[in-house]
Protein backbone atom coordinates (compact mmCIF):
# COMPACT_ATOMS: atom_id res chain seq x y z
CA ARG A 1 0.00 0.00 0.00
CA ARG A 2 1.46 3.33 -1.06
CA LEU A 3 1.46 5.96 1.67
CA MET A 4 1.59 9.69 1.16
CA THR A 5 4.82 11.44 2.04
CA TYR A 6 4.76 14.46 4.31
CA GLU A 7 7.24 17.12 5.36
CA PHE A 8 6.44 17.05 9.08
CA LEU A 9 4.95 13.57 9.55
CA LYS A 10 6.12 10.02 8.94
CA LEU A 11 3.50 7.37 8.21
CA GLN A 12 4.25 3.67 7.98
CA ALA A 13 1.80 0.77 7.84
CA ASP A 14 2.37 -2.96 8.12
CA ALA A 15 0.03 -5.87 8.88
CA GLY A 16 -2.86 -3.56 9.72
CA ILE A 17 -0.85 -1.41 12.15
CA ALA A 18 -0.12 2.19 11.14
CA VAL A 19 2.56 4.23 12.91
CA LEU A 20 2.16 8.00 12.62
CA THR A 21 5.26 9.88 13.80
CA LEU A 22 5.22 13.62 14.41
CA ASN A 23 8.39 14.71 12.65
CA ARG A 24 9.53 18.24 13.46
CA PRO A 25 12.09 17.31 16.11
CA ASP A 26 14.07 20.57 16.02
CA THR A 27 11.01 22.33 17.52
CA LEU A 28 9.99 19.46 19.85
CA ASN A 29 7.40 18.41 17.24
CA SER A 30 5.38 21.57 17.84
CA TRP A 31 3.02 22.26 14.98
CA ASN A 32 2.88 25.12 12.55
CA GLN A 33 0.16 25.69 9.96
CA LYS A 34 1.69 23.28 7.41
CA MET A 35 2.05 20.49 9.97
CA ARG A 36 -1.55 20.98 11.16
CA GLY A 37 -2.72 20.66 7.56
CA GLU A 38 -0.68 17.50 7.05
CA LEU A 39 -2.07 16.00 10.24
CA ARG A 40 -5.61 16.72 9.03
CA VAL A 41 -4.96 15.00 5.67
CA ALA A 42 -3.20 12.02 7.29
CA VAL A 43 -5.96 11.41 9.83
CA ARG A 44 -8.66 11.75 7.16
CA ASP A 45 -6.89 9.12 5.04
CA LEU A 46 -6.43 6.80 8.02
CA VAL A 47 -10.13 7.07 8.92
CA ALA A 48 -11.01 5.97 5.37
CA ASP A 49 -8.67 2.95 5.40
CA ASP A 50 -10.69 -0.19 6.16
CA SER A 51 -7.58 -2.40 6.16
CA LEU A 52 -6.33 -0.64 9.28
CA ARG A 53 -6.62 -2.44 12.64
CA VAL A 54 -4.62 -0.20 15.01
CA LEU A 55 -3.08 3.29 14.89
CA LEU A 56 0.01 4.18 16.92
CA ILE A 57 1.08 7.82 17.33
CA THR A 58 4.50 8.91 18.59
CA GLY A 59 7.09 11.66 18.17
CA GLU A 60 10.49 11.84 16.49
CA GLY A 61 13.46 12.72 18.68
CA ARG A 62 13.16 13.72 22.33
CA ALA A 63 9.56 14.99 22.38
CA PHE A 64 6.09 13.66 21.68
CA SER A 65 4.83 17.16 20.88
CA ALA A 66 5.10 20.58 22.50
CA GLY A 67 1.78 21.53 20.86
CA GLU A 68 1.23 24.78 18.99
CA ASP A 69 4.46 26.54 18.05
CA VAL A 70 4.37 29.72 20.16
CA ARG A 71 6.15 31.56 17.34
CA GLY A 72 3.08 30.99 15.17
CA MET A 73 0.54 32.01 17.80
CA GLN A 74 0.75 35.68 16.87
CA GLY A 75 -0.74 34.89 13.47
CA LEU A 76 -3.78 33.27 15.10
CA ALA A 77 -4.08 36.18 17.55
CA GLU A 78 -4.32 38.70 14.70
CA VAL A 79 -7.40 37.16 13.06
CA GLY A 80 -10.97 38.01 14.15
CA PRO A 81 -12.84 35.85 16.68
CA ARG A 82 -14.86 34.06 13.99
CA SER A 83 -11.77 33.24 11.91
CA PHE A 84 -10.01 32.06 15.05
CA ARG A 85 -12.89 29.73 15.96
CA ARG A 86 -12.90 28.35 12.42
CA ALA A 87 -9.15 27.63 12.57
CA VAL A 88 -9.45 25.96 15.96
CA ARG A 89 -12.47 23.93 14.81
CA ASN A 90 -10.20 22.43 12.15
CA ILE A 91 -7.81 21.32 14.91
CA HIS A 92 -10.67 19.99 17.03
CA ASN A 93 -11.98 18.02 14.06
CA VAL A 94 -8.67 16.12 13.80
CA PHE A 95 -8.74 15.18 17.50
CA ASP A 96 -12.44 14.32 17.30
CA GLU A 97 -11.78 12.04 14.29
CA LEU A 98 -9.11 10.17 16.28
CA GLU A 99 -11.53 9.80 19.18
CA ALA A 100 -14.28 8.57 16.83
CA ILE A 101 -12.26 6.32 14.46
CA GLU A 102 -13.53 2.79 15.01
CA LEU A 103 -10.21 1.22 15.93
CA PRO A 104 -7.78 1.49 18.85
CA VAL A 105 -5.43 4.49 18.84
CA ILE A 106 -2.31 4.31 21.03
CA ALA A 107 -0.23 7.33 22.03
CA ALA A 108 3.38 6.33 22.74
CA ILE A 109 4.53 9.42 24.65
CA ASN A 110 8.30 9.36 24.14
CA GLY A 111 9.08 12.77 25.68
CA VAL A 112 7.51 16.15 26.35
CA ALA A 113 3.74 16.24 25.72
CA ALA A 114 2.62 19.80 26.33
CA GLY A 115 -0.46 21.85 25.42
CA GLY A 116 -1.83 20.68 22.09
CA GLY A 117 0.59 17.74 22.13
CA LEU A 118 -1.02 16.44 25.31
CA GLU A 119 -4.45 17.22 23.86
CA LEU A 120 -3.56 14.98 20.91
CA ALA A 121 -2.64 12.20 23.35
CA LEU A 122 -5.92 12.73 25.24
CA SER A 123 -7.88 12.05 22.04
CA CYS A 124 -6.20 8.61 21.79
CA ASP A 125 -7.58 5.50 23.51
CA PHE A 126 -4.38 4.38 25.22
CA ARG A 127 -1.51 6.47 26.59
CA ILE A 128 1.78 4.89 27.50
CA ALA A 129 4.79 7.02 28.40
CA ALA A 130 8.54 6.84 28.72
CA GLU A 131 9.90 7.44 32.24
CA SER A 132 11.62 10.55 30.90
CA ALA A 133 8.37 12.08 29.56
CA LYS A 134 6.95 15.28 31.02
CA LEU A 135 3.29 16.17 30.58
CA GLY A 136 1.33 19.33 31.18
CA PHE A 137 -0.65 22.32 30.01
CA PRO A 138 1.53 25.46 30.14
CA GLU A 139 -1.10 27.64 28.43
CA SER A 140 -1.72 29.71 31.58
CA ASN A 141 1.87 30.96 31.27
CA VAL A 142 0.90 32.80 28.07
CA GLY A 143 -2.55 33.89 29.23
CA LEU A 144 -4.58 31.07 27.66
CA ILE A 145 -6.32 27.82 28.57
CA PRO A 146 -5.93 24.44 26.90
CA GLY A 147 -8.73 24.93 24.39
CA SER A 148 -8.64 21.84 22.16
CA GLY A 149 -9.89 19.17 24.53
CA GLY A 150 -7.43 19.94 27.32
CA CYS A 151 -10.27 20.97 29.61
CA SER A 152 -13.17 18.89 28.28
CA ARG A 153 -11.34 15.57 27.84
CA LEU A 154 -9.03 16.01 30.82
CA VAL A 155 -11.83 16.53 33.35
CA LYS A 156 -13.51 13.28 32.27
CA LEU A 157 -10.23 11.38 32.50
CA VAL A 158 -8.73 12.55 35.81
CA GLY A 159 -11.60 14.36 37.61
CA ILE A 160 -12.25 18.01 38.33
CA ALA A 161 -9.70 18.62 41.12
CA LYS A 162 -6.71 17.16 39.29
CA ALA A 163 -7.78 18.88 36.05
CA LYS A 164 -7.90 22.27 37.79
CA ARG A 165 -4.47 21.67 39.29
CA LEU A 166 -2.90 20.86 35.91
CA VAL A 167 -4.65 23.62 33.96
CA MET A 168 -4.29 26.44 36.50
CA THR A 169 -0.71 25.82 37.63
CA GLY A 170 0.60 25.07 34.15
CA GLU A 171 3.13 22.74 35.75
CA MET A 172 4.81 19.99 33.76
CA ILE A 173 4.56 16.72 35.67
CA PRO A 174 6.83 13.66 35.38
CA ALA A 175 5.49 10.46 33.86
CA GLN A 176 5.17 8.64 37.20
CA GLN A 177 2.96 11.42 38.57
CA ALA A 178 0.88 11.30 35.37
CA LEU A 179 0.50 7.54 35.96
CA ALA A 180 -0.69 8.03 39.55
CA MET A 181 -3.14 10.67 38.30
CA GLY A 182 -4.62 8.38 35.63
CA LEU A 183 -3.38 10.59 32.80
CA VAL A 184 -1.39 7.65 31.35
CA GLU A 185 -1.85 3.90 31.89
CA GLU A 186 1.73 2.65 31.70
CA VAL A 187 5.23 4.07 32.22
CA LEU A 188 8.32 2.32 30.86
CA PRO A 189 12.05 2.96 30.40
CA ALA A 190 12.57 4.96 27.19
CA ASP A 191 14.11 2.05 25.28
CA LYS A 192 11.15 -0.22 26.14
CA LEU A 193 8.43 2.24 25.07
CA MET A 194 8.09 1.45 21.35
CA PRO A 195 8.50 -2.33 21.79
CA ARG A 196 5.72 -2.25 24.40
CA ALA A 197 3.54 0.00 22.22
CA MET A 198 3.98 -2.41 19.28
CA GLU A 199 3.26 -5.39 21.54
CA LEU A 200 -0.03 -3.75 22.60
CA ALA A 201 -0.80 -2.82 18.97
CA LYS A 202 -0.27 -6.43 17.83
CA GLN A 203 -2.41 -7.75 20.69
CA LEU A 204 -5.24 -5.41 19.67
CA ALA A 205 -4.75 -6.12 15.94
CA GLY A 206 -5.39 -9.80 16.67
CA LYS A 207 -8.87 -9.10 18.04
CA ALA A 208 -12.09 -8.91 16.03
CA PRO A 209 -11.87 -5.40 14.51
CA LEU A 210 -15.62 -4.74 14.34
CA ALA A 211 -15.96 -5.67 18.02
CA LEU A 212 -13.13 -3.31 19.05
CA GLY A 213 -14.56 -0.53 16.90
CA LEU A 214 -18.03 -0.85 18.38
CA ALA A 215 -16.63 -1.22 21.90
CA LYS A 216 -14.96 2.16 21.39
CA VAL A 217 -18.14 3.76 20.01
CA VAL A 218 -20.26 2.42 22.88
CA LEU A 219 -17.77 3.27 25.64
CA ASN A 220 -17.27 6.81 24.31
CA ALA A 221 -21.05 7.30 24.15
CA CYS A 222 -21.59 5.90 27.65
CA VAL A 223 -19.34 8.58 29.20
CA ASN A 224 -22.01 11.19 28.48
CA VAL A 225 -25.33 9.37 28.85
CA ASP A 226 -27.49 8.01 31.68
CA PRO A 227 -27.16 4.27 32.51
CA ASP A 228 -30.49 3.34 30.86
CA THR A 229 -29.46 4.97 27.57
CA GLY A 230 -26.06 3.27 27.91
CA ARG A 231 -27.73 -0.14 28.10
CA HIS A 232 -29.78 0.65 24.99
CA ILE A 233 -26.57 1.52 23.12
CA GLU A 234 -24.91 -1.70 24.36
CA ARG A 235 -27.82 -3.79 23.09
CA LEU A 236 -27.72 -2.06 19.72
CA GLY A 237 -23.98 -2.69 19.42
CA GLN A 238 -24.32 -6.32 20.43
CA SER A 239 -27.21 -6.91 18.01
CA ILE A 240 -24.91 -5.85 15.15
CA LEU A 241 -21.95 -7.96 16.31
CA LYS A 242 -24.07 -11.12 16.83
CA LYS A 243 -24.64 -11.19 13.05
CA THR A 244 -20.98 -10.87 12.02
CA GLU A 245 -18.84 -13.60 10.47
CA ASP A 246 -16.11 -12.75 13.00
CA HIS A 247 -18.39 -13.63 15.93
CA LEU A 248 -19.19 -17.03 14.36
CA GLU A 249 -15.48 -17.60 13.67
CA GLY A 250 -14.55 -16.60 17.24
CA ALA A 251 -17.09 -18.97 18.78
CA LYS A 252 -16.05 -21.80 16.42
CA ALA A 253 -12.34 -21.24 17.17
CA PHE A 254 -13.06 -21.29 20.92
CA VAL A 255 -14.81 -24.68 20.65
CA GLU A 256 -12.05 -26.04 18.39
CA LYS A 257 -9.33 -24.67 20.73
CA ARG A 258 -7.51 -22.72 17.98
CA ARG A 259 -6.68 -19.13 17.24
CA PRO A 260 -9.52 -17.32 15.45
CA GLU A 261 -8.88 -15.72 12.05
CA PHE A 262 -10.83 -12.49 12.06
CA LYS A 263 -11.65 -10.83 8.74
CA GLY A 264 -13.45 -7.67 9.86
CA ARG A 265 -16.77 -8.90 8.44
């Protein structure tokens, strides 16, 4: 499969696992307008790729991403409020697509994840970090708030008190503290991060893809609905999966004590 080439991203795919690497290491993988545009195109193409089972996102060099390049912020500050909201909506749409894509998305946080970089990680399903990683929202230092999911996703993930602490102090916390807070699920030595991320990706790629996709849809929906509505959504999801070839194959493989061969049908 031929993949597009980008200036500020690297995209590789093999055996249903795509690895998207933020590739502007000289600026800690902070994004400028061109990089944001590339990210939008890459994510749109990944969403449309039905052969994909798992997406893994990481950063080149010593950072995951420092978020919006502060040197480019002035340009956004000079536009009118409506133009600003339109520009930011384009960023939100990328994160929302990652949250909605019906397959697991893993953030392998190899270094600094700050501001928009951490917001990108928050839109992923799994976050694993290197011991050397630092995470935080320094926006308050330049008179802003994390405004691309850094408030709305963070508060659901870690709770109101911890979210206020991170957002209002602007402090960068070490990976172990992020683990204790529930911001990441695993912390590993730097040299073990990508092997562990690939191990998790392969484990997930071996599961029935329609089941994982619907599990994600249902779980995401259940965060914001009452329990009764949640059960309705679960039943709807299950009624679809009961009719799939993969479910029949999984049940047959279980009885025959062999590994199932899932086809995504």
